[in-house]
N, C-alpha and C. Protein backbone atom coordinates (compact mmCIF):
# COMPACT_ATOMS: atom_id res chain seq x y z
N UNK A 1 -37.34 43.17 49.36
CA UNK A 1 -36.70 42.61 48.17
C UNK A 1 -37.61 41.59 47.54
N UNK A 2 -37.47 41.46 46.22
CA UNK A 2 -38.34 40.49 45.53
C UNK A 2 -37.81 39.08 45.73
N UNK A 3 -38.59 38.09 45.39
CA UNK A 3 -38.18 36.69 45.59
C UNK A 3 -37.23 36.21 44.53
N UNK A 4 -36.91 37.05 43.53
CA UNK A 4 -36.04 36.63 42.41
C UNK A 4 -34.58 36.94 42.67
N UNK A 5 -34.23 37.42 43.82
CA UNK A 5 -32.83 37.78 44.08
C UNK A 5 -31.93 36.56 43.96
N UNK A 6 -30.86 36.71 43.18
CA UNK A 6 -29.87 35.63 43.04
C UNK A 6 -28.91 35.79 44.20
N UNK A 7 -28.73 34.74 45.00
CA UNK A 7 -27.82 34.86 46.13
C UNK A 7 -26.41 35.12 45.64
N UNK A 8 -25.75 36.07 46.21
CA UNK A 8 -24.37 36.34 45.82
C UNK A 8 -23.47 35.89 46.94
N UNK A 9 -22.33 35.36 46.54
CA UNK A 9 -21.38 34.89 47.55
C UNK A 9 -20.15 35.77 47.44
N UNK A 10 -19.87 36.52 48.47
CA UNK A 10 -18.68 37.36 48.49
C UNK A 10 -17.85 36.89 49.66
N UNK A 11 -16.62 36.48 49.37
CA UNK A 11 -15.78 35.94 50.44
C UNK A 11 -15.03 37.09 51.11
N UNK A 12 -15.11 37.12 52.42
CA UNK A 12 -14.30 38.08 53.19
C UNK A 12 -13.74 37.33 54.37
N UNK A 13 -12.44 37.16 54.34
CA UNK A 13 -11.74 36.48 55.43
C UNK A 13 -12.38 35.13 55.77
N UNK A 14 -12.70 34.35 54.69
CA UNK A 14 -13.21 33.02 54.92
C UNK A 14 -14.66 32.99 55.32
N UNK A 15 -15.37 34.14 55.39
CA UNK A 15 -16.79 34.14 55.72
C UNK A 15 -17.54 34.89 54.64
N UNK A 16 -18.78 34.54 54.44
CA UNK A 16 -19.54 35.27 53.43
C UNK A 16 -20.13 36.51 54.07
N UNK A 17 -20.32 37.57 53.24
CA UNK A 17 -20.81 38.83 53.79
C UNK A 17 -22.30 38.78 54.03
N UNK A 18 -23.02 37.91 53.34
CA UNK A 18 -24.46 37.76 53.58
C UNK A 18 -24.73 36.38 54.13
N UNK A 19 -25.89 36.19 54.58
CA UNK A 19 -26.24 34.87 55.11
C UNK A 19 -26.71 33.91 54.03
N UNK A 20 -26.51 34.27 52.74
CA UNK A 20 -27.03 33.43 51.66
C UNK A 20 -26.10 32.28 51.31
N UNK A 21 -24.86 32.31 51.71
CA UNK A 21 -23.97 31.20 51.38
C UNK A 21 -22.79 31.20 52.30
N UNK A 22 -22.17 30.05 52.43
CA UNK A 22 -20.98 29.95 53.27
C UNK A 22 -19.84 29.45 52.41
N UNK A 23 -18.68 29.53 52.98
CA UNK A 23 -17.50 29.01 52.30
C UNK A 23 -17.67 27.53 51.97
N UNK A 24 -18.29 26.77 52.86
CA UNK A 24 -18.49 25.34 52.64
C UNK A 24 -19.34 25.10 51.41
N UNK A 25 -20.38 25.92 51.24
CA UNK A 25 -21.25 25.75 50.06
C UNK A 25 -20.47 26.03 48.79
N UNK A 26 -19.63 27.05 48.82
CA UNK A 26 -18.82 27.39 47.65
C UNK A 26 -17.84 26.26 47.34
N UNK A 27 -17.21 25.75 48.39
CA UNK A 27 -16.27 24.63 48.19
C UNK A 27 -17.00 23.43 47.60
N UNK A 28 -18.19 23.15 48.09
CA UNK A 28 -18.97 22.01 47.59
C UNK A 28 -19.31 22.23 46.12
N UNK A 29 -19.70 23.46 45.79
CA UNK A 29 -20.05 23.80 44.40
C UNK A 29 -18.83 23.63 43.49
N UNK A 30 -17.68 24.16 43.93
CA UNK A 30 -16.45 24.07 43.14
C UNK A 30 -16.05 22.60 42.96
N UNK A 31 -16.12 21.82 44.05
CA UNK A 31 -15.78 20.39 43.97
C UNK A 31 -16.69 19.68 42.98
N UNK A 32 -18.00 19.98 43.08
CA UNK A 32 -18.97 19.34 42.20
C UNK A 32 -18.68 19.72 40.75
N UNK A 33 -18.39 21.01 40.53
CA UNK A 33 -18.10 21.50 39.19
C UNK A 33 -16.83 20.82 38.64
N UNK A 34 -15.82 20.71 39.49
CA UNK A 34 -14.57 20.05 39.07
C UNK A 34 -14.84 18.59 38.73
N UNK A 35 -15.66 17.93 39.57
CA UNK A 35 -15.98 16.52 39.31
C UNK A 35 -16.69 16.35 37.98
N UNK A 36 -17.62 17.29 37.69
CA UNK A 36 -18.34 17.22 36.41
C UNK A 36 -17.34 17.37 35.25
N UNK A 37 -16.44 18.35 35.37
CA UNK A 37 -15.45 18.59 34.30
C UNK A 37 -14.52 17.38 34.16
N UNK A 38 -14.04 16.86 35.29
CA UNK A 38 -13.14 15.70 35.25
C UNK A 38 -13.88 14.50 34.64
N UNK A 39 -15.13 14.31 35.07
CA UNK A 39 -15.92 13.20 34.52
C UNK A 39 -16.12 13.33 33.02
N UNK A 40 -16.46 14.55 32.57
CA UNK A 40 -16.66 14.78 31.14
C UNK A 40 -15.36 14.54 30.38
N UNK A 41 -14.26 15.01 30.95
CA UNK A 41 -12.95 14.82 30.33
C UNK A 41 -12.62 13.34 30.22
N UNK A 42 -12.92 12.57 31.28
CA UNK A 42 -12.66 11.12 31.26
C UNK A 42 -13.53 10.45 30.20
N UNK A 43 -14.82 10.90 30.10
CA UNK A 43 -15.71 10.33 29.08
C UNK A 43 -15.17 10.58 27.68
N UNK A 44 -14.70 11.82 27.44
CA UNK A 44 -14.14 12.17 26.13
C UNK A 44 -12.91 11.31 25.84
N UNK A 45 -12.06 11.14 26.87
CA UNK A 45 -10.84 10.33 26.70
C UNK A 45 -11.22 8.88 26.39
N UNK A 46 -12.21 8.34 27.14
CA UNK A 46 -12.65 6.95 26.88
C UNK A 46 -13.19 6.82 25.47
N UNK A 47 -14.00 7.79 25.04
CA UNK A 47 -14.56 7.73 23.69
C UNK A 47 -13.45 7.78 22.65
N UNK A 48 -12.46 8.65 22.87
CA UNK A 48 -11.34 8.75 21.93
C UNK A 48 -10.55 7.44 21.90
N UNK A 49 -10.32 6.87 23.09
CA UNK A 49 -9.60 5.59 23.16
C UNK A 49 -10.37 4.50 22.41
N UNK A 50 -11.70 4.49 22.63
CA UNK A 50 -12.54 3.48 21.98
C UNK A 50 -12.48 3.66 20.45
N UNK A 51 -12.59 4.92 19.99
CA UNK A 51 -12.50 5.19 18.54
C UNK A 51 -11.14 4.77 18.00
N UNK A 52 -10.10 5.07 18.76
CA UNK A 52 -8.74 4.71 18.33
C UNK A 52 -8.63 3.18 18.19
N UNK A 53 -9.17 2.46 19.19
CA UNK A 53 -9.13 0.99 19.15
C UNK A 53 -9.92 0.46 17.96
N UNK A 54 -11.10 1.06 17.72
CA UNK A 54 -11.93 0.62 16.58
C UNK A 54 -11.22 0.90 15.26
N UNK A 55 -10.60 2.09 15.16
CA UNK A 55 -9.85 2.43 13.94
C UNK A 55 -8.71 1.44 13.73
N UNK A 56 -8.02 1.11 14.82
CA UNK A 56 -6.90 0.18 14.73
C UNK A 56 -7.40 -1.19 14.26
N UNK A 57 -8.52 -1.65 14.84
CA UNK A 57 -9.09 -2.94 14.42
C UNK A 57 -9.49 -2.90 12.95
N UNK A 58 -10.13 -1.78 12.53
CA UNK A 58 -10.53 -1.63 11.13
C UNK A 58 -9.32 -1.70 10.21
N UNK A 59 -8.26 -0.97 10.59
CA UNK A 59 -7.04 -0.97 9.77
C UNK A 59 -6.44 -2.36 9.69
N UNK A 60 -6.40 -3.05 10.84
CA UNK A 60 -5.84 -4.41 10.85
C UNK A 60 -6.69 -5.35 9.99
N UNK A 61 -8.03 -5.21 10.10
CA UNK A 61 -8.93 -6.05 9.31
C UNK A 61 -8.74 -5.78 7.82
N UNK A 62 -8.68 -4.48 7.46
CA UNK A 62 -8.49 -4.13 6.04
C UNK A 62 -7.15 -4.65 5.53
N UNK A 63 -6.10 -4.51 6.36
CA UNK A 63 -4.78 -5.00 5.96
C UNK A 63 -4.81 -6.51 5.76
N UNK A 64 -5.49 -7.21 6.69
CA UNK A 64 -5.58 -8.67 6.59
C UNK A 64 -6.34 -9.07 5.32
N UNK A 65 -7.46 -8.35 5.04
CA UNK A 65 -8.24 -8.66 3.84
C UNK A 65 -7.43 -8.41 2.58
N UNK A 66 -6.67 -7.30 2.58
CA UNK A 66 -5.84 -6.99 1.41
C UNK A 66 -4.76 -8.06 1.24
N UNK A 67 -4.18 -8.50 2.35
CA UNK A 67 -3.14 -9.54 2.30
C UNK A 67 -3.73 -10.84 1.77
N UNK A 68 -4.94 -11.20 2.26
CA UNK A 68 -5.59 -12.43 1.79
C UNK A 68 -5.90 -12.35 0.30
N UNK A 69 -6.37 -11.16 -0.14
CA UNK A 69 -6.67 -10.99 -1.57
C UNK A 69 -5.40 -11.13 -2.40
N UNK A 70 -4.31 -10.54 -1.91
CA UNK A 70 -3.02 -10.63 -2.63
C UNK A 70 -2.55 -12.08 -2.67
N UNK A 71 -2.66 -12.79 -1.52
CA UNK A 71 -2.26 -14.20 -1.49
C UNK A 71 -3.09 -15.01 -2.48
N UNK A 72 -4.40 -14.73 -2.52
CA UNK A 72 -5.29 -15.45 -3.44
C UNK A 72 -4.90 -15.17 -4.89
N UNK A 73 -4.59 -13.89 -5.19
CA UNK A 73 -4.19 -13.52 -6.54
C UNK A 73 -2.90 -14.25 -6.94
N UNK A 74 -1.93 -14.28 -6.02
CA UNK A 74 -0.66 -14.96 -6.30
C UNK A 74 -0.91 -16.46 -6.50
N UNK A 75 -1.78 -17.03 -5.63
CA UNK A 75 -2.10 -18.46 -5.74
C UNK A 75 -2.75 -18.76 -7.10
N UNK A 76 -3.68 -17.87 -7.51
CA UNK A 76 -4.36 -18.09 -8.79
C UNK A 76 -3.37 -17.99 -9.96
N UNK A 77 -2.44 -17.01 -9.88
CA UNK A 77 -1.42 -16.89 -10.94
C UNK A 77 -0.55 -18.13 -10.98
N UNK A 78 -0.15 -18.61 -9.79
CA UNK A 78 0.70 -19.81 -9.70
C UNK A 78 -0.05 -21.02 -10.26
N UNK A 79 -1.33 -21.15 -9.84
CA UNK A 79 -2.14 -22.27 -10.34
C UNK A 79 -2.27 -22.21 -11.86
N UNK A 80 -2.50 -21.00 -12.38
CA UNK A 80 -2.65 -20.84 -13.83
C UNK A 80 -1.35 -21.25 -14.54
N UNK A 81 -0.23 -20.80 -13.98
CA UNK A 81 1.08 -21.15 -14.58
C UNK A 81 1.29 -22.66 -14.53
N UNK A 82 0.97 -23.26 -13.37
CA UNK A 82 1.12 -24.73 -13.24
C UNK A 82 0.21 -25.45 -14.22
N UNK A 83 -1.04 -24.94 -14.34
CA UNK A 83 -1.98 -25.57 -15.28
C UNK A 83 -1.48 -25.48 -16.71
N UNK A 84 -0.87 -24.32 -17.05
CA UNK A 84 -0.31 -24.18 -18.41
C UNK A 84 0.81 -25.20 -18.63
N UNK A 85 1.66 -25.37 -17.63
CA UNK A 85 2.75 -26.35 -17.75
C UNK A 85 2.20 -27.76 -17.93
N UNK A 86 1.18 -28.10 -17.12
CA UNK A 86 0.59 -29.43 -17.20
C UNK A 86 -0.05 -29.63 -18.58
N UNK A 87 -0.78 -28.60 -19.04
CA UNK A 87 -1.43 -28.67 -20.35
C UNK A 87 -0.39 -28.83 -21.46
N UNK A 88 0.68 -28.04 -21.37
CA UNK A 88 1.77 -28.12 -22.36
C UNK A 88 2.36 -29.53 -22.38
N UNK A 89 2.63 -30.06 -21.17
CA UNK A 89 3.20 -31.41 -21.08
C UNK A 89 2.23 -32.44 -21.67
N UNK A 90 0.92 -32.27 -21.38
CA UNK A 90 -0.07 -33.20 -21.94
C UNK A 90 -0.09 -33.14 -23.46
N UNK A 91 -0.06 -31.89 -23.98
CA UNK A 91 -0.09 -31.74 -25.45
C UNK A 91 1.15 -32.36 -26.08
N UNK A 92 2.31 -32.12 -25.45
CA UNK A 92 3.55 -32.72 -25.97
C UNK A 92 3.48 -34.24 -25.92
N UNK A 93 2.94 -34.77 -24.82
CA UNK A 93 2.83 -36.23 -24.69
C UNK A 93 1.85 -36.77 -25.73
N UNK A 94 0.74 -36.04 -25.94
CA UNK A 94 -0.21 -36.49 -26.97
C UNK A 94 0.44 -36.49 -28.35
N UNK A 95 1.23 -35.43 -28.61
CA UNK A 95 1.95 -35.36 -29.88
C UNK A 95 2.90 -36.54 -30.04
N UNK A 96 3.63 -36.85 -28.96
CA UNK A 96 4.55 -37.99 -28.98
C UNK A 96 3.78 -39.28 -29.26
N UNK A 97 2.65 -39.46 -28.54
CA UNK A 97 1.85 -40.69 -28.73
C UNK A 97 1.32 -40.79 -30.16
N UNK A 98 0.87 -39.66 -30.71
CA UNK A 98 0.36 -39.67 -32.09
C UNK A 98 1.48 -40.07 -33.07
N UNK A 99 2.68 -39.47 -32.87
CA UNK A 99 3.81 -39.82 -33.75
C UNK A 99 4.16 -41.31 -33.62
N UNK A 100 4.12 -41.80 -32.39
CA UNK A 100 4.47 -43.22 -32.13
C UNK A 100 3.44 -44.13 -32.81
N UNK A 101 2.16 -43.79 -32.68
CA UNK A 101 1.10 -44.59 -33.32
C UNK A 101 1.27 -44.58 -34.83
N UNK A 102 1.54 -43.37 -35.38
CA UNK A 102 1.76 -43.26 -36.84
C UNK A 102 2.93 -44.14 -37.27
N UNK A 103 4.00 -44.11 -36.49
CA UNK A 103 5.18 -44.90 -36.84
C UNK A 103 4.87 -46.40 -36.75
N UNK A 104 4.05 -46.80 -35.75
CA UNK A 104 3.67 -48.23 -35.65
C UNK A 104 2.78 -48.64 -36.82
N UNK A 105 1.88 -47.72 -37.24
CA UNK A 105 1.05 -48.00 -38.42
C UNK A 105 1.94 -48.21 -39.65
N UNK A 106 2.96 -47.33 -39.78
CA UNK A 106 3.88 -47.45 -40.92
C UNK A 106 4.60 -48.80 -40.88
N UNK A 107 5.08 -49.18 -39.68
CA UNK A 107 5.77 -50.47 -39.54
C UNK A 107 4.84 -51.62 -39.92
N UNK A 108 3.59 -51.55 -39.42
CA UNK A 108 2.61 -52.62 -39.73
C UNK A 108 2.37 -52.68 -41.23
N UNK A 109 2.24 -51.52 -41.89
CA UNK A 109 2.01 -51.46 -43.34
C UNK A 109 3.20 -52.10 -44.07
N UNK A 110 4.44 -51.76 -43.61
CA UNK A 110 5.65 -52.32 -44.25
C UNK A 110 5.68 -53.84 -44.11
N UNK A 111 5.31 -54.31 -42.90
CA UNK A 111 5.31 -55.76 -42.67
C UNK A 111 4.28 -56.43 -43.58
N UNK A 112 3.07 -55.81 -43.70
CA UNK A 112 2.05 -56.39 -44.59
C UNK A 112 2.54 -56.45 -46.04
N UNK A 113 3.23 -55.36 -46.46
CA UNK A 113 3.76 -55.35 -47.83
C UNK A 113 4.76 -56.47 -48.03
N UNK A 114 5.63 -56.66 -47.00
CA UNK A 114 6.65 -57.72 -47.12
C UNK A 114 5.99 -59.09 -47.23
N UNK A 115 4.96 -59.30 -46.37
CA UNK A 115 4.26 -60.59 -46.41
C UNK A 115 3.60 -60.76 -47.78
N UNK A 116 2.93 -59.69 -48.24
CA UNK A 116 2.25 -59.74 -49.54
C UNK A 116 3.25 -60.02 -50.65
N UNK A 117 4.41 -59.29 -50.58
CA UNK A 117 5.44 -59.48 -51.59
C UNK A 117 5.97 -60.91 -51.58
N UNK A 118 6.24 -61.43 -50.36
CA UNK A 118 6.81 -62.78 -50.30
C UNK A 118 5.78 -63.81 -50.76
N UNK A 119 4.48 -63.61 -50.45
CA UNK A 119 3.46 -64.55 -50.94
C UNK A 119 3.39 -64.50 -52.45
N UNK A 120 3.43 -63.28 -52.98
CA UNK A 120 3.34 -63.14 -54.44
C UNK A 120 4.57 -63.77 -55.14
N UNK A 121 5.74 -63.55 -54.54
CA UNK A 121 6.94 -64.09 -55.18
C UNK A 121 6.93 -65.62 -55.09
N UNK A 122 6.38 -66.19 -53.98
CA UNK A 122 6.28 -67.66 -53.89
C UNK A 122 5.31 -68.20 -54.94
N UNK A 123 4.17 -67.47 -55.11
CA UNK A 123 3.21 -67.89 -56.12
C UNK A 123 3.83 -67.87 -57.52
N UNK A 124 4.54 -66.77 -57.80
CA UNK A 124 5.11 -66.65 -59.15
C UNK A 124 6.26 -67.66 -59.32
N UNK A 125 6.95 -68.01 -58.25
CA UNK A 125 7.99 -69.02 -58.32
C UNK A 125 7.37 -70.39 -58.55
N UNK A 126 6.19 -70.60 -57.94
CA UNK A 126 5.51 -71.90 -58.07
C UNK A 126 5.01 -72.09 -59.50
N UNK A 127 4.69 -71.00 -60.17
CA UNK A 127 4.12 -71.15 -61.52
C UNK A 127 5.10 -71.54 -62.55
């Protein structure tokens, strides 16, 4: 026979028909093969778990960022509304102050006229 013969394992009543392999070797091969498959399966499961955890973290991060952006938008709208109210109040107060100053100017003008009138009438009375 040539040296390329592939050993064949044929089980007969728990013994191999040729001297090329024994039941123990077959059991060892099957165990090793099962361990490889189980190991690969565990690796795939770990990778899937890791991806799932990363996806969950990504989703949580994106949700948190979206929530922060929404909070910031609401805060900016609120600030803008508050600023408008403050500005409106300032403008109204400025308007009030301007009217008050105008009215005081009018009063001062009236008082000056009265003084002027009374001085003039005293002068004309003196003449």
